[in-house]
Amino acid sequence: MNFKTLTLIAVVVSPLFAIAPASADDQIAQSLCSYVAANDKNSIRKTLSDSKLRIKNVYDGIQCDGLPMIRFAIKHNAADAAEFIVKQLPGSQVSKSGDVEWAQSNGFAASPIIETIKARSAS
């Protein structure tokens, strides 16, 4: 093989290696979203632990049906999952998220998750 052939092979093959991590990240995000919907905080914790991730480092990059994980939890009445997520995030991030306002304006004002968010925002 000559240099041009090797270069062409490298250009064609290298994007294939870049796809694998995104695919793994998508799988983790899908798993976390399904565990939030099921209100399964233990599986959320295990998935994060097994993947050596912290919720505060990945929270902004995960959307569940187009919603941040806490709003998704509010929508699915997943109080245990939401409490776990809220407690893992910095209070400053929780307070400026607008989740309380979103919940109140979308018919979820009675959600017990609102109190969890308010308590974390105050800390």
PDB file of N, CA and C in Angstrom:
ATOM      1  N   MET A   1       0.843  -1.183   0.000  1.00  0.00           N
ATOM      2  CA  MET A   1       0.000   0.000   0.000  1.00  0.00           C
ATOM      3  C   MET A   1       0.888   1.246   0.000  1.00  0.00           C
ATOM      4  N   ASN A   2       0.408   2.236  -0.706  1.00  0.00           N
ATOM      5  CA  ASN A   2       1.157   3.474  -0.715  1.00  0.00           C
ATOM      6  C   ASN A   2       0.574   4.463   0.298  1.00  0.00           C
ATOM      7  N   PHE A   3       1.223   5.588   0.442  1.00  0.00           N
ATOM      8  CA  PHE A   3       0.836   6.595   1.431  1.00  0.00           C
ATOM      9  C   PHE A   3      -0.568   7.137   1.178  1.00  0.00           C
ATOM     10  N   LYS A   4      -0.940   7.350  -0.095  1.00  0.00           N
ATOM     11  CA  LYS A   4      -2.272   7.878  -0.430  1.00  0.00           C
ATOM     12  C   LYS A   4      -3.363   6.901  -0.009  1.00  0.00           C
ATOM     13  N   THR A   5      -3.141   5.643  -0.216  1.00  0.00           N
ATOM     14  CA  THR A   5      -4.125   4.633   0.155  1.00  0.00           C
ATOM     15  C   THR A   5      -4.302   4.589   1.672  1.00  0.00           C
ATOM     16  N   LEU A   6      -3.215   4.614   2.399  1.00  0.00           N
ATOM     17  CA  LEU A   6      -3.292   4.601   3.861  1.00  0.00           C
ATOM     18  C   LEU A   6      -3.999   5.854   4.391  1.00  0.00           C
ATOM     19  N   THR A   7      -3.718   6.980   3.784  1.00  0.00           N
ATOM     20  CA  THR A   7      -4.360   8.226   4.199  1.00  0.00           C
ATOM     21  C   THR A   7      -5.861   8.153   3.945  1.00  0.00           C
ATOM     22  N   LEU A   8      -6.247   7.634   2.784  1.00  0.00           N
ATOM     23  CA  LEU A   8      -7.657   7.490   2.458  1.00  0.00           C
ATOM     24  C   LEU A   8      -8.351   6.559   3.444  1.00  0.00           C
ATOM     25  N   ILE A   9      -7.730   5.457   3.783  1.00  0.00           N
ATOM     26  CA  ILE A   9      -8.297   4.515   4.751  1.00  0.00           C
ATOM     27  C   ILE A   9      -8.456   5.194   6.113  1.00  0.00           C
ATOM     28  N   ALA A  10      -7.454   5.939   6.534  1.00  0.00           N
ATOM     29  CA  ALA A  10      -7.519   6.628   7.822  1.00  0.00           C
ATOM     30  C   ALA A  10      -8.648   7.647   7.846  1.00  0.00           C
ATOM     31  N   VAL A  11      -8.833   8.373   6.742  1.00  0.00           N
ATOM     32  CA  VAL A  11      -9.895   9.381   6.670  1.00  0.00           C
ATOM     33  C   VAL A  11     -11.269   8.717   6.702  1.00  0.00           C
ATOM     34  N   VAL A  12     -11.416   7.580   6.039  1.00  0.00           N
ATOM     35  CA  VAL A  12     -12.704   6.892   5.988  1.00  0.00           C
ATOM     36  C   VAL A  12     -13.007   6.194   7.315  1.00  0.00           C
ATOM     37  N   VAL A  13     -12.035   5.590   7.936  1.00  0.00           N
ATOM     38  CA  VAL A  13     -12.244   4.795   9.142  1.00  0.00           C
ATOM     39  C   VAL A  13     -12.321   5.648  10.411  1.00  0.00           C
ATOM     40  N   SER A  14     -11.568   6.725  10.513  1.00  0.00           N
ATOM     41  CA  SER A  14     -11.510   7.490  11.768  1.00  0.00           C
ATOM     42  C   SER A  14     -12.858   8.018  12.251  1.00  0.00           C
ATOM     43  N   PRO A  15     -13.779   8.463  11.365  1.00  0.00           N
ATOM     44  CA  PRO A  15     -15.083   8.884  11.890  1.00  0.00           C
ATOM     45  C   PRO A  15     -15.862   7.754  12.558  1.00  0.00           C
ATOM     46  N   LEU A  16     -15.600   6.522  12.163  1.00  0.00           N
ATOM     47  CA  LEU A  16     -16.301   5.390  12.769  1.00  0.00           C
ATOM     48  C   LEU A  16     -15.963   5.261  14.257  1.00  0.00           C
ATOM     49  N   PHE A  17     -14.747   5.602  14.618  1.00  0.00           N
ATOM     50  CA  PHE A  17     -14.346   5.526  16.017  1.00  0.00           C
ATOM     51  C   PHE A  17     -14.946   6.660  16.830  1.00  0.00           C
ATOM     52  N   ALA A  18     -15.224   7.761  16.203  1.00  0.00           N
ATOM     53  CA  ALA A  18     -15.806   8.913  16.900  1.00  0.00           C
ATOM     54  C   ALA A  18     -17.270   8.677  17.218  1.00  0.00           C
ATOM     55  N   ILE A  19     -17.920   7.786  16.498  1.00  0.00           N
ATOM     56  CA  ILE A  19     -19.346   7.536  16.707  1.00  0.00           C
ATOM     57  C   ILE A  19     -19.595   6.727  17.975  1.00  0.00           C
ATOM     58  N   ALA A  20     -18.725   5.806  18.314  1.00  0.00           N
ATOM     59  CA  ALA A  20     -18.950   4.903  19.441  1.00  0.00           C
ATOM     60  C   ALA A  20     -19.194   5.620  20.769  1.00  0.00           C
ATOM     61  N   PRO A  21     -18.375   6.601  21.189  1.00  0.00           N
ATOM     62  CA  PRO A  21     -18.647   7.246  22.470  1.00  0.00           C
ATOM     63  C   PRO A  21     -19.989   7.977  22.506  1.00  0.00           C
ATOM     64  N   ALA A  22     -20.373   8.631  21.411  1.00  0.00           N
ATOM     65  CA  ALA A  22     -21.653   9.331  21.372  1.00  0.00           C
ATOM     66  C   ALA A  22     -22.780   8.330  21.549  1.00  0.00           C
ATOM     67  N   SER A  23     -22.636   7.193  20.946  1.00  0.00           N
ATOM     68  CA  SER A  23     -23.632   6.143  21.051  1.00  0.00           C
ATOM     69  C   SER A  23     -23.742   5.648  22.495  1.00  0.00           C
ATOM     70  N   ALA A  24     -22.617   5.482  23.154  1.00  0.00           N
ATOM     71  CA  ALA A  24     -22.631   5.059  24.564  1.00  0.00           C
ATOM     72  C   ALA A  24     -23.263   6.143  25.431  1.00  0.00           C
ATOM     73  N   ASP A  25     -22.930   7.417  25.154  1.00  0.00           N
ATOM     74  CA  ASP A  25     -23.518   8.514  25.914  1.00  0.00           C
ATOM     75  C   ASP A  25     -25.025   8.564  25.717  1.00  0.00           C
ATOM     76  N   ASP A  26     -25.477   8.349  24.470  1.00  0.00           N
ATOM     77  CA  ASP A  26     -26.911   8.338  24.198  1.00  0.00           C
ATOM     78  C   ASP A  26     -27.600   7.215  24.968  1.00  0.00           C
ATOM     79  N   GLN A  27     -26.947   6.069  25.047  1.00  0.00           N
ATOM     80  CA  GLN A  27     -27.527   4.934  25.773  1.00  0.00           C
ATOM     81  C   GLN A  27     -27.650   5.247  27.259  1.00  0.00           C
ATOM     82  N   ILE A  28     -26.633   5.878  27.820  1.00  0.00           N
ATOM     83  CA  ILE A  28     -26.678   6.262  29.239  1.00  0.00           C
ATOM     84  C   ILE A  28     -27.796   7.272  29.459  1.00  0.00           C
ATOM     85  N   ALA A  29     -27.898   8.260  28.578  1.00  0.00           N
ATOM     86  CA  ALA A  29     -28.944   9.270  28.706  1.00  0.00           C
ATOM     87  C   ALA A  29     -30.331   8.637  28.612  1.00  0.00           C
ATOM     88  N   GLN A  30     -30.516   7.731  27.679  1.00  0.00           N
ATOM     89  CA  GLN A  30     -31.809   7.047  27.544  1.00  0.00           C
ATOM     90  C   GLN A  30     -32.132   6.231  28.791  1.00  0.00           C
ATOM     91  N   SER A  31     -31.126   5.565  29.321  1.00  0.00           N
ATOM     92  CA  SER A  31     -31.335   4.779  30.542  1.00  0.00           C
ATOM     93  C   SER A  31     -31.733   5.689  31.703  1.00  0.00           C
ATOM     94  N   LEU A  32     -31.006   6.798  31.859  1.00  0.00           N
ATOM     95  CA  LEU A  32     -31.319   7.724  32.953  1.00  0.00           C
ATOM     96  C   LEU A  32     -32.731   8.268  32.805  1.00  0.00           C
ATOM     97  N   CYS A  33     -33.128   8.618  31.598  1.00  0.00           N
ATOM     98  CA  CYS A  33     -34.485   9.137  31.383  1.00  0.00           C
ATOM     99  C   CYS A  33     -35.542   8.088  31.721  1.00  0.00           C
ATOM    100  N   SER A  34     -35.299   6.851  31.325  1.00  0.00           N
ATOM    101  CA  SER A  34     -36.286   5.810  31.631  1.00  0.00           C
ATOM    102  C   SER A  34     -36.351   5.546  33.137  1.00  0.00           C
ATOM    103  N   TYR A  35     -35.220   5.647  33.828  1.00  0.00           N
ATOM    104  CA  TYR A  35     -35.233   5.461  35.280  1.00  0.00           C
ATOM    105  C   TYR A  35     -35.914   6.622  35.988  1.00  0.00           C
ATOM    106  N   VAL A  36     -35.762   7.827  35.451  1.00  0.00           N
ATOM    107  CA  VAL A  36     -36.471   8.976  36.025  1.00  0.00           C
ATOM    108  C   VAL A  36     -37.977   8.768  35.857  1.00  0.00           C
ATOM    109  N   ALA A  37     -38.405   8.400  34.669  1.00  0.00           N
ATOM    110  CA  ALA A  37     -39.831   8.180  34.411  1.00  0.00           C
ATOM    111  C   ALA A  37     -40.402   7.104  35.326  1.00  0.00           C
ATOM    112  N   ALA A  38     -39.592   6.086  35.641  1.00  0.00           N
ATOM    113  CA  ALA A  38     -40.020   4.995  36.517  1.00  0.00           C
ATOM    114  C   ALA A  38     -39.835   5.330  37.997  1.00  0.00           C
ATOM    115  N   ASN A  39     -39.288   6.517  38.287  1.00  0.00           N
ATOM    116  CA  ASN A  39     -39.021   6.946  39.668  1.00  0.00           C
ATOM    117  C   ASN A  39     -38.093   5.970  40.383  1.00  0.00           C
ATOM    118  N   ASP A  40     -37.063   5.521  39.678  1.00  0.00           N
ATOM    119  CA  ASP A  40     -36.137   4.508  40.185  1.00  0.00           C
ATOM    120  C   ASP A  40     -34.772   5.145  40.487  1.00  0.00           C
ATOM    121  N   LYS A  41     -34.672   5.781  41.658  1.00  0.00           N
ATOM    122  CA  LYS A  41     -33.428   6.488  41.988  1.00  0.00           C
ATOM    123  C   LYS A  41     -32.247   5.543  42.177  1.00  0.00           C
ATOM    124  N   ASN A  42     -32.500   4.314  42.606  1.00  0.00           N
ATOM    125  CA  ASN A  42     -31.402   3.368  42.785  1.00  0.00           C
ATOM    126  C   ASN A  42     -30.750   3.007  41.447  1.00  0.00           C
ATOM    127  N   SER A  43     -31.551   2.863  40.408  1.00  0.00           N
ATOM    128  CA  SER A  43     -30.999   2.572  39.081  1.00  0.00           C
ATOM    129  C   SER A  43     -30.288   3.792  38.513  1.00  0.00           C
ATOM    130  N   ILE A  44     -30.792   4.982  38.818  1.00  0.00           N
ATOM    131  CA  ILE A  44     -30.101   6.204  38.400  1.00  0.00           C
ATOM    132  C   ILE A  44     -28.717   6.233  39.034  1.00  0.00           C
ATOM    133  N   ARG A  45     -28.677   5.993  40.334  1.00  0.00           N
ATOM    134  CA  ARG A  45     -27.418   5.998  41.081  1.00  0.00           C
ATOM    135  C   ARG A  45     -26.460   4.939  40.530  1.00  0.00           C
ATOM    136  N   LYS A  46     -26.963   3.747  40.265  1.00  0.00           N
ATOM    137  CA  LYS A  46     -26.123   2.658  39.766  1.00  0.00           C
ATOM    138  C   LYS A  46     -25.581   2.971  38.371  1.00  0.00           C
ATOM    139  N   THR A  47     -26.417   3.495  37.504  1.00  0.00           N
ATOM    140  CA  THR A  47     -25.975   3.838  36.155  1.00  0.00           C
ATOM    141  C   THR A  47     -24.874   4.889  36.198  1.00  0.00           C
ATOM    142  N   LEU A  48     -25.060   5.900  37.018  1.00  0.00           N
ATOM    143  CA  LEU A  48     -24.036   6.941  37.155  1.00  0.00           C
ATOM    144  C   LEU A  48     -22.744   6.359  37.718  1.00  0.00           C
ATOM    145  N   SER A  49     -22.864   5.538  38.737  1.00  0.00           N
ATOM    146  CA  SER A  49     -21.703   4.934  39.374  1.00  0.00           C
ATOM    147  C   SER A  49     -20.954   4.012  38.409  1.00  0.00           C
ATOM    148  N   ASP A  50     -21.693   3.146  37.731  1.00  0.00           N
ATOM    149  CA  ASP A  50     -21.080   2.214  36.788  1.00  0.00           C
ATOM    150  C   ASP A  50     -20.369   2.942  35.648  1.00  0.00           C
ATOM    151  N   SER A  51     -20.903   4.108  35.283  1.00  0.00           N
ATOM    152  CA  SER A  51     -20.324   4.892  34.182  1.00  0.00           C
ATOM    153  C   SER A  51     -19.296   5.899  34.677  1.00  0.00           C
ATOM    154  N   LYS A  52     -19.080   5.892  35.999  1.00  0.00           N
ATOM    155  CA  LYS A  52     -18.138   6.835  36.619  1.00  0.00           C
ATOM    156  C   LYS A  52     -18.483   8.288  36.281  1.00  0.00           C
ATOM    157  N   LEU A  53     -19.791   8.595  36.423  1.00  0.00           N
ATOM    158  CA  LEU A  53     -20.294   9.937  36.134  1.00  0.00           C
ATOM    159  C   LEU A  53     -20.909  10.545  37.383  1.00  0.00           C
ATOM    160  N   ARG A  54     -20.950  11.860  37.403  1.00  0.00           N
ATOM    161  CA  ARG A  54     -21.659  12.592  38.452  1.00  0.00           C
ATOM    162  C   ARG A  54     -22.760  13.379  37.766  1.00  0.00           C
ATOM    163  N   ILE A  55     -23.920  13.387  38.369  1.00  0.00           N
ATOM    164  CA  ILE A  55     -25.077  14.036  37.755  1.00  0.00           C
ATOM    165  C   ILE A  55     -24.791  15.506  37.450  1.00  0.00           C
ATOM    166  N   LYS A  56     -24.059  16.174  38.321  1.00  0.00           N
ATOM    167  CA  LYS A  56     -23.797  17.598  38.094  1.00  0.00           C
ATOM    168  C   LYS A  56     -22.935  17.829  36.849  1.00  0.00           C
ATOM    169  N   ASN A  57     -22.173  16.825  36.440  1.00  0.00           N
ATOM    170  CA  ASN A  57     -21.325  16.967  35.261  1.00  0.00           C
ATOM    171  C   ASN A  57     -22.049  16.654  33.953  1.00  0.00           C
ATOM    172  N   VAL A  58     -23.145  15.929  34.012  1.00  0.00           N
ATOM    173  CA  VAL A  58     -23.859  15.537  32.792  1.00  0.00           C
ATOM    174  C   VAL A  58     -25.258  16.119  32.695  1.00  0.00           C
ATOM    175  N   TYR A  59     -25.750  16.724  33.775  1.00  0.00           N
ATOM    176  CA  TYR A  59     -27.143  17.181  33.822  1.00  0.00           C
ATOM    177  C   TYR A  59     -27.512  18.090  32.655  1.00  0.00           C
ATOM    178  N   ASP A  60     -26.700  19.082  32.372  1.00  0.00           N
ATOM    179  CA  ASP A  60     -27.031  20.040  31.313  1.00  0.00           C
ATOM    180  C   ASP A  60     -27.067  19.409  29.927  1.00  0.00           C
ATOM    181  N   GLY A  61     -26.419  18.282  29.754  1.00  0.00           N
ATOM    182  CA  GLY A  61     -26.367  17.636  28.443  1.00  0.00           C
ATOM    183  C   GLY A  61     -27.439  16.593  28.212  1.00  0.00           C
ATOM    184  N   ILE A  62     -28.285  16.349  29.199  1.00  0.00           N
ATOM    185  CA  ILE A  62     -29.300  15.305  29.056  1.00  0.00           C
ATOM    186  C   ILE A  62     -30.687  15.931  28.992  1.00  0.00           C
ATOM    187  N   GLN A  63     -31.415  15.574  27.964  1.00  0.00           N
ATOM    188  CA  GLN A  63     -32.806  15.986  27.794  1.00  0.00           C
ATOM    189  C   GLN A  63     -33.654  14.722  27.708  1.00  0.00           C
ATOM    190  N   CYS A  64     -34.775  14.730  28.398  1.00  0.00           N
ATOM    191  CA  CYS A  64     -35.713  13.613  28.355  1.00  0.00           C
ATOM    192  C   CYS A  64     -37.004  14.130  27.721  1.00  0.00           C
ATOM    193  N   ASP A  65     -37.335  13.648  26.557  1.00  0.00           N
ATOM    194  CA  ASP A  65     -38.473  14.163  25.787  1.00  0.00           C
ATOM    195  C   ASP A  65     -38.411  15.677  25.664  1.00  0.00           C
ATOM    196  N   GLY A  66     -37.211  16.208  25.474  1.00  0.00           N
ATOM    197  CA  GLY A  66     -37.031  17.639  25.282  1.00  0.00           C
ATOM    198  C   GLY A  66     -37.022  18.460  26.550  1.00  0.00           C
ATOM    199  N   LEU A  67     -37.072  17.811  27.701  1.00  0.00           N
ATOM    200  CA  LEU A  67     -37.095  18.508  28.988  1.00  0.00           C
ATOM    201  C   LEU A  67     -35.847  18.172  29.799  1.00  0.00           C
ATOM    202  N   PRO A  68     -35.393  19.136  30.634  1.00  0.00           N
ATOM    203  CA  PRO A  68     -34.342  18.789  31.598  1.00  0.00           C
ATOM    204  C   PRO A  68     -34.862  17.685  32.531  1.00  0.00           C
ATOM    205  N   MET A  69     -33.969  16.925  33.098  1.00  0.00           N
ATOM    206  CA  MET A  69     -34.369  15.760  33.902  1.00  0.00           C
ATOM    207  C   MET A  69     -35.305  16.105  35.054  1.00  0.00           C
ATOM    208  N   ILE A  70     -35.102  17.230  35.713  1.00  0.00           N
ATOM    209  CA  ILE A  70     -35.985  17.572  36.843  1.00  0.00           C
ATOM    210  C   ILE A  70     -37.403  17.856  36.347  1.00  0.00           C
ATOM    211  N   ARG A  71     -37.525  18.590  35.261  1.00  0.00           N
ATOM    212  CA  ARG A  71     -38.860  18.871  34.710  1.00  0.00           C
ATOM    213  C   ARG A  71     -39.526  17.585  34.228  1.00  0.00           C
ATOM    214  N   PHE A  72     -38.734  16.703  33.647  1.00  0.00           N
ATOM    215  CA  PHE A  72     -39.244  15.402  33.216  1.00  0.00           C
ATOM    216  C   PHE A  72     -39.755  14.626  34.428  1.00  0.00           C
ATOM    217  N   ALA A  73     -39.015  14.693  35.530  1.00  0.00           N
ATOM    218  CA  ALA A  73     -39.439  14.019  36.765  1.00  0.00           C
ATOM    219  C   ALA A  73     -40.731  14.626  37.296  1.00  0.00           C
ATOM    220  N   ILE A  74     -40.844  15.949  37.252  1.00  0.00           N
ATOM    221  CA  ILE A  74     -42.077  16.607  37.694  1.00  0.00           C
ATOM    222  C   ILE A  74     -43.243  16.126  36.843  1.00  0.00           C
ATOM    223  N   LYS A  75     -43.054  16.101  35.543  1.00  0.00           N
ATOM    224  CA  LYS A  75     -44.097  15.670  34.605  1.00  0.00           C
ATOM    225  C   LYS A  75     -44.550  14.243  34.891  1.00  0.00           C
ATOM    226  N   HIS A  76     -43.619  13.401  35.324  1.00  0.00           N
ATOM    227  CA  HIS A  76     -43.926  11.986  35.587  1.00  0.00           C
ATOM    228  C   HIS A  76     -44.170  11.697  37.072  1.00  0.00           C
ATOM    229  N   ASN A  77     -44.268  12.739  37.877  1.00  0.00           N
ATOM    230  CA  ASN A  77     -44.507  12.591  39.316  1.00  0.00           C
ATOM    231  C   ASN A  77     -43.493  11.641  39.953  1.00  0.00           C
ATOM    232  N   ALA A  78     -42.246  11.803  39.583  1.00  0.00           N
ATOM    233  CA  ALA A  78     -41.161  10.939  40.064  1.00  0.00           C
ATOM    234  C   ALA A  78     -40.417  11.655  41.187  1.00  0.00           C
ATOM    235  N   ALA A  79     -41.041  11.726  42.335  1.00  0.00           N
ATOM    236  CA  ALA A  79     -40.500  12.500  43.458  1.00  0.00           C
ATOM    237  C   ALA A  79     -39.164  11.967  43.969  1.00  0.00           C
ATOM    238  N   ASP A  80     -39.021  10.660  44.090  1.00  0.00           N
ATOM    239  CA  ASP A  80     -37.768  10.087  44.599  1.00  0.00           C
ATOM    240  C   ASP A  80     -36.600  10.367  43.646  1.00  0.00           C
ATOM    241  N   ALA A  81     -36.834  10.169  42.367  1.00  0.00           N
ATOM    242  CA  ALA A  81     -35.790  10.422  41.365  1.00  0.00           C
ATOM    243  C   ALA A  81     -35.425  11.906  41.352  1.00  0.00           C
ATOM    244  N   ALA A  82     -36.432  12.761  41.381  1.00  0.00           N
ATOM    245  CA  ALA A  82     -36.180  14.210  41.365  1.00  0.00           C
ATOM    246  C   ALA A  82     -35.412  14.648  42.600  1.00  0.00           C
ATOM    247  N   GLU A  83     -35.784  14.124  43.754  1.00  0.00           N
ATOM    248  CA  GLU A  83     -35.083  14.490  44.989  1.00  0.00           C
ATOM    249  C   GLU A  83     -33.609  14.096  44.900  1.00  0.00           C
ATOM    250  N   PHE A  84     -33.339  12.903  44.388  1.00  0.00           N
ATOM    251  CA  PHE A  84     -31.954  12.456  44.233  1.00  0.00           C
ATOM    252  C   PHE A  84     -31.187  13.408  43.312  1.00  0.00           C
ATOM    253  N   ILE A  85     -31.773  13.738  42.174  1.00  0.00           N
ATOM    254  CA  ILE A  85     -31.109  14.624  41.205  1.00  0.00           C
ATOM    255  C   ILE A  85     -30.884  16.002  41.811  1.00  0.00           C
ATOM    256  N   VAL A  86     -31.919  16.556  42.424  1.00  0.00           N
ATOM    257  CA  VAL A  86     -31.827  17.904  43.002  1.00  0.00           C
ATOM    258  C   VAL A  86     -30.732  17.960  44.060  1.00  0.00           C
ATOM    259  N   LYS A  87     -30.631  16.931  44.887  1.00  0.00           N
ATOM    260  CA  LYS A  87     -29.623  16.927  45.951  1.00  0.00           C
ATOM    261  C   LYS A  87     -28.202  16.771  45.410  1.00  0.00           C
ATOM    262  N   GLN A  88     -28.062  16.241  44.199  1.00  0.00           N
ATOM    263  CA  GLN A  88     -26.733  16.063  43.607  1.00  0.00           C
ATOM    264  C   GLN A  88     -26.246  17.303  42.864  1.00  0.00           C
ATOM    265  N   LEU A  89     -27.158  18.215  42.586  1.00  0.00           N
ATOM    266  CA  LEU A  89     -26.798  19.438  41.855  1.00  0.00           C
ATOM    267  C   LEU A  89     -26.461  20.559  42.828  1.00  0.00           C
ATOM    268  N   PRO A  90     -25.609  21.475  42.416  1.00  0.00           N
ATOM    269  CA  PRO A  90     -25.329  22.643  43.266  1.00  0.00           C
ATOM    270  C   PRO A  90     -26.601  23.471  43.455  1.00  0.00           C
ATOM    271  N   GLY A  91     -26.785  23.993  44.664  1.00  0.00           N
ATOM    272  CA  GLY A  91     -27.965  24.797  44.957  1.00  0.00           C
ATOM    273  C   GLY A  91     -28.122  25.971  44.014  1.00  0.00           C
ATOM    274  N   SER A  92     -27.010  26.581  43.630  1.00  0.00           N
ATOM    275  CA  SER A  92     -27.072  27.721  42.713  1.00  0.00           C
ATOM    276  C   SER A  92     -27.632  27.320  41.351  1.00  0.00           C
ATOM    277  N   GLN A  93     -27.279  26.139  40.887  1.00  0.00           N
ATOM    278  CA  GLN A  93     -27.793  25.657  39.605  1.00  0.00           C
ATOM    279  C   GLN A  93     -29.287  25.383  39.697  1.00  0.00           C
ATOM    280  N   VAL A  94     -29.707  24.805  40.810  1.00  0.00           N
ATOM    281  CA  VAL A  94     -31.124  24.499  41.009  1.00  0.00           C
ATOM    282  C   VAL A  94     -31.937  25.790  41.091  1.00  0.00           C
ATOM    283  N   SER A  95     -31.416  26.777  41.812  1.00  0.00           N
ATOM    284  CA  SER A  95     -32.173  28.011  42.010  1.00  0.00           C
ATOM    285  C   SER A  95     -32.353  28.808  40.729  1.00  0.00           C
ATOM    286  N   LYS A  96     -31.396  28.746  39.821  1.00  0.00           N
ATOM    287  CA  LYS A  96     -31.529  29.531  38.593  1.00  0.00           C
ATOM    288  C   LYS A  96     -32.090  28.725  37.417  1.00  0.00           C
ATOM    289  N   SER A  97     -32.550  27.515  37.668  1.00  0.00           N
ATOM    290  CA  SER A  97     -33.041  26.653  36.593  1.00  0.00           C
ATOM    291  C   SER A  97     -34.416  27.060  36.067  1.00  0.00           C
ATOM    292  N   GLY A  98     -35.212  27.709  36.917  1.00  0.00           N
ATOM    293  CA  GLY A  98     -36.566  28.083  36.505  1.00  0.00           C
ATOM    294  C   GLY A  98     -37.552  26.937  36.575  1.00  0.00           C
ATOM    295  N   ASP A  99     -37.166  25.842  37.234  1.00  0.00           N
ATOM    296  CA  ASP A  99     -38.040  24.671  37.302  1.00  0.00           C
ATOM    297  C   ASP A  99     -39.328  24.929  38.086  1.00  0.00           C
ATOM    298  N   VAL A 100     -39.239  25.706  39.158  1.00  0.00           N
ATOM    299  CA  VAL A 100     -40.431  26.007  39.956  1.00  0.00           C
ATOM    300  C   VAL A 100     -41.426  26.787  39.115  1.00  0.00           C
ATOM    301  N   GLU A 101     -40.950  27.812  38.438  1.00  0.00           N
ATOM    302  CA  GLU A 101     -41.819  28.624  37.594  1.00  0.00           C
ATOM    303  C   GLU A 101     -42.414  27.791  36.466  1.00  0.00           C
ATOM    304  N   TRP A 102     -41.581  26.935  35.871  1.00  0.00           N
ATOM    305  CA  TRP A 102     -42.063  26.072  34.802  1.00  0.00           C
ATOM    306  C   TRP A 102     -43.185  25.169  35.319  1.00  0.00           C
ATOM    307  N   ALA A 103     -42.975  24.566  36.485  1.00  0.00           N
ATOM    308  CA  ALA A 103     -43.979  23.656  37.051  1.00  0.00           C
ATOM    309  C   ALA A 103     -45.288  24.396  37.316  1.00  0.00           C
ATOM    310  N   GLN A 104     -45.187  25.573  37.890  1.00  0.00           N
ATOM    311  CA  GLN A 104     -46.386  26.336  38.218  1.00  0.00           C
ATOM    312  C   GLN A 104     -47.141  26.756  36.962  1.00  0.00           C
ATOM    313  N   SER A 105     -46.430  27.099  35.916  1.00  0.00           N
ATOM    314  CA  SER A 105     -47.107  27.548  34.700  1.00  0.00           C
ATOM    315  C   SER A 105     -47.557  26.401  33.795  1.00  0.00           C
ATOM    316  N   ASN A 106     -47.181  25.171  34.138  1.00  0.00           N
ATOM    317  CA  ASN A 106     -47.574  24.017  33.336  1.00  0.00           C
ATOM    318  C   ASN A 106     -48.493  23.045  34.079  1.00  0.00           C
ATOM    319  N   GLY A 107     -49.122  23.530  35.149  1.00  0.00           N
ATOM    320  CA  GLY A 107     -50.105  22.708  35.854  1.00  0.00           C
ATOM    321  C   GLY A 107     -49.552  21.744  36.878  1.00  0.00           C
ATOM    322  N   PHE A 108     -48.321  21.936  37.302  1.00  0.00           N
ATOM    323  CA  PHE A 108     -47.704  21.033  38.276  1.00  0.00           C
ATOM    324  C   PHE A 108     -47.414  21.735  39.602  1.00  0.00           C
ATOM    325  N   ALA A 109     -48.159  22.785  39.914  1.00  0.00           N
ATOM    326  CA  ALA A 109     -47.906  23.582  41.118  1.00  0.00           C
ATOM    327  C   ALA A 109     -48.046  22.768  42.404  1.00  0.00           C
ATOM    328  N   ALA A 110     -48.848  21.712  42.373  1.00  0.00           N
ATOM    329  CA  ALA A 110     -49.053  20.891  43.562  1.00  0.00           C
ATOM    330  C   ALA A 110     -48.013  19.783  43.719  1.00  0.00           C
ATOM    331  N   SER A 111     -47.067  19.701  42.810  1.00  0.00           N
ATOM    332  CA  SER A 111     -46.071  18.636  42.869  1.00  0.00           C
ATOM    333  C   SER A 111     -45.211  18.762  44.124  1.00  0.00           C
ATOM    334  N   PRO A 112     -45.001  17.653  44.841  1.00  0.00           N
ATOM    335  CA  PRO A 112     -44.134  17.691  46.026  1.00  0.00           C
ATOM    336  C   PRO A 112     -42.673  17.987  45.665  1.00  0.00           C
ATOM    337  N   ILE A 113     -42.327  17.842  44.422  1.00  0.00           N
ATOM    338  CA  ILE A 113     -40.962  18.100  43.964  1.00  0.00           C
ATOM    339  C   ILE A 113     -40.629  19.586  44.090  1.00  0.00           C
ATOM    340  N   ILE A 114     -41.643  20.431  44.000  1.00  0.00           N
ATOM    341  CA  ILE A 114     -41.441  21.882  44.103  1.00  0.00           C
ATOM    342  C   ILE A 114     -40.786  22.230  45.445  1.00  0.00           C
ATOM    343  N   GLU A 115     -41.250  21.606  46.509  1.00  0.00           N
ATOM    344  CA  GLU A 115     -40.679  21.878  47.839  1.00  0.00           C
ATOM    345  C   GLU A 115     -39.227  21.433  47.923  1.00  0.00           C
ATOM    346  N   THR A 116     -38.911  20.308  47.307  1.00  0.00           N
ATOM    347  CA  THR A 116     -37.526  19.817  47.269  1.00  0.00           C
ATOM    348  C   THR A 116     -36.628  20.834  46.556  1.00  0.00           C
ATOM    349  N   ILE A 117     -37.137  21.351  45.432  1.00  0.00           N
ATOM    350  CA  ILE A 117     -36.377  22.321  44.658  1.00  0.00           C
ATOM    351  C   ILE A 117     -36.180  23.604  45.470  1.00  0.00           C
ATOM    352  N   LYS A 118     -37.236  24.067  46.112  1.00  0.00           N
ATOM    353  CA  LYS A 118     -37.150  25.299  46.905  1.00  0.00           C
ATOM    354  C   LYS A 118     -36.169  25.126  48.075  1.00  0.00           C
ATOM    355  N   ALA A 119     -36.211  23.978  48.721  1.00  0.00           N
ATOM    356  CA  ALA A 119     -35.306  23.733  49.851  1.00  0.00           C
ATOM    357  C   ALA A 119     -33.847  23.720  49.381  1.00  0.00           C
ATOM    358  N   ARG A 120     -33.582  23.115  48.240  1.00  0.00           N
ATOM    359  CA  ARG A 120     -32.210  23.047  47.717  1.00  0.00           C
ATOM    360  C   ARG A 120     -31.751  24.432  47.236  1.00  0.00           C
ATOM    361  N   SER A 121     -32.665  25.189  46.670  1.00  0.00           N
ATOM    362  CA  SER A 121     -32.342  26.532  46.183  1.00  0.00           C
ATOM    363  C   SER A 121     -31.944  27.446  47.335  1.00  0.00           C
ATOM    364  N   ALA A 122     -32.529  27.213  48.503  1.00  0.00           N
ATOM    365  CA  ALA A 122     -32.253  28.045  49.670  1.00  0.00           C
ATOM    366  C   ALA A 122     -30.888  27.729  50.297  1.00  0.00           C
ATOM    367  N   SER A 123     -30.355  26.537  50.002  1.00  0.00           N
ATOM    368  CA  SER A 123     -29.078  26.133  50.630  1.00  0.00           C
ATOM    369  C   SER A 123     -27.888  26.621  49.878  1.00  0.00           C
TER     370      SER A 123
END
